[in-house]
Amino acid sequence: MSQDVRTLSVVEVAQALGVGRNSVYEAIKEGRLPALRVGTKRPRLRVPRLAIERLLADPEQWRGADGDASLPRGGARHGP
């Protein structure tokens, strides 16, 4: 991850974390991963690089309701 890039796309986040896009969308939907909608005609989700760095530094803060610290697997697609 380049230090001068401040946000990442869902695909870039998935690649950085080694998970699927659906897992990233689910984490965003559940509020475990912050995201911004950028654009007006076709808004895109962008995840702050700092949020990914914090996730990698301290996975405990990302625990879901089921106590799982990993990003969720599968599920319906959420987002654009």
Protein backbone atom coordinates (compact mmCIF):
# COMPACT_ATOMS: atom_id res chain seq x y z
CA MET A 1 0.00 0.00 0.00
CA SER A 2 1.48 3.30 -1.08
CA GLN A 3 1.66 5.90 1.69
CA ASP A 4 0.45 8.69 -0.62
CA VAL A 5 -2.83 6.89 -1.39
CA ARG A 6 -5.39 7.96 1.21
CA THR A 7 -8.32 5.73 0.20
CA LEU A 8 -8.71 2.33 -1.41
CA SER A 9 -11.44 0.77 -3.50
CA VAL A 10 -13.30 -2.29 -2.24
CA VAL A 11 -11.31 -4.45 -4.67
CA GLU A 12 -8.01 -3.00 -3.42
CA VAL A 13 -9.05 -3.61 0.21
CA ALA A 14 -10.01 -7.20 -0.59
CA GLN A 15 -6.65 -7.79 -2.27
CA ALA A 16 -4.71 -6.16 0.59
CA LEU A 17 -6.49 -8.29 3.20
CA GLY A 18 -6.63 -11.49 1.14
CA VAL A 19 -10.44 -11.76 1.29
CA GLY A 20 -13.25 -11.51 -1.24
CA ARG A 21 -15.12 -8.35 -2.20
CA ASN A 22 -18.30 -9.62 -0.53
CA SER A 23 -16.45 -9.86 2.78
CA VAL A 24 -15.40 -6.23 2.50
CA TYR A 25 -18.94 -5.10 1.58
CA GLU A 26 -20.33 -7.04 4.56
CA ALA A 27 -17.79 -5.50 6.96
CA ILE A 28 -18.76 -2.04 5.68
CA LYS A 29 -22.47 -2.81 6.04
CA GLU A 30 -21.95 -4.03 9.62
CA GLY A 31 -19.97 -0.89 10.50
CA ARG A 32 -16.75 -2.79 11.20
CA LEU A 33 -14.97 -1.07 8.33
CA PRO A 34 -15.55 2.63 7.60
CA ALA A 35 -16.20 3.71 4.02
CA LEU A 36 -16.98 6.86 2.11
CA ARG A 37 -19.26 7.23 -0.90
CA VAL A 38 -17.40 9.32 -3.46
CA GLY A 39 -18.94 10.75 -6.62
CA THR A 40 -22.41 11.81 -7.68
CA LYS A 41 -23.37 10.04 -10.92
CA ARG A 42 -21.94 6.66 -9.96
CA PRO A 43 -20.86 6.82 -6.31
CA ARG A 44 -18.04 4.47 -5.37
CA LEU A 45 -17.14 3.18 -1.95
CA ARG A 46 -13.68 4.17 -0.76
CA VAL A 47 -12.07 2.89 2.44
CA PRO A 48 -9.56 5.09 4.27
CA ARG A 49 -6.06 3.59 4.20
CA LEU A 50 -5.72 4.45 7.87
CA ALA A 51 -8.66 2.14 8.69
CA ILE A 52 -6.90 -0.77 6.97
CA GLU A 53 -3.68 -0.03 8.83
CA ARG A 54 -5.57 0.01 12.14
CA LEU A 55 -7.31 -3.25 11.27
CA LEU A 56 -3.99 -4.94 10.57
CA ALA A 57 -2.41 -3.50 13.74
CA ASP A 58 -5.27 -4.45 16.09
CA PRO A 59 -7.82 -7.00 14.77
CA GLU A 60 -9.55 -7.08 18.19
CA GLN A 61 -11.33 -3.79 17.47
CA TRP A 62 -13.06 -5.36 14.47
CA ARG A 63 -14.89 -8.18 16.26
CA GLY A 64 -18.38 -8.79 14.97
CA ALA A 65 -21.51 -9.60 16.94
CA ASP A 66 -20.59 -13.29 16.79
CA GLY A 67 -17.16 -12.57 18.34
CA ASP A 68 -15.33 -13.35 15.10
CA ALA A 69 -12.35 -11.02 14.55
CA SER A 70 -12.06 -11.89 10.86
CA LEU A 71 -13.96 -10.18 8.10
CA PRO A 72 -17.20 -12.05 7.33
CA ARG A 73 -17.31 -14.55 4.48
CA GLY A 74 -19.86 -14.59 1.69
CA GLY A 75 -23.21 -12.90 1.86
CA ALA A 76 -25.02 -10.67 -0.54
CA ARG A 77 -23.23 -7.96 -2.42
CA HIS A 78 -23.59 -4.52 -0.87
CA GLY A 79 -22.68 -1.30 -2.55
CA PRO A 80 -22.51 -0.08 -6.14
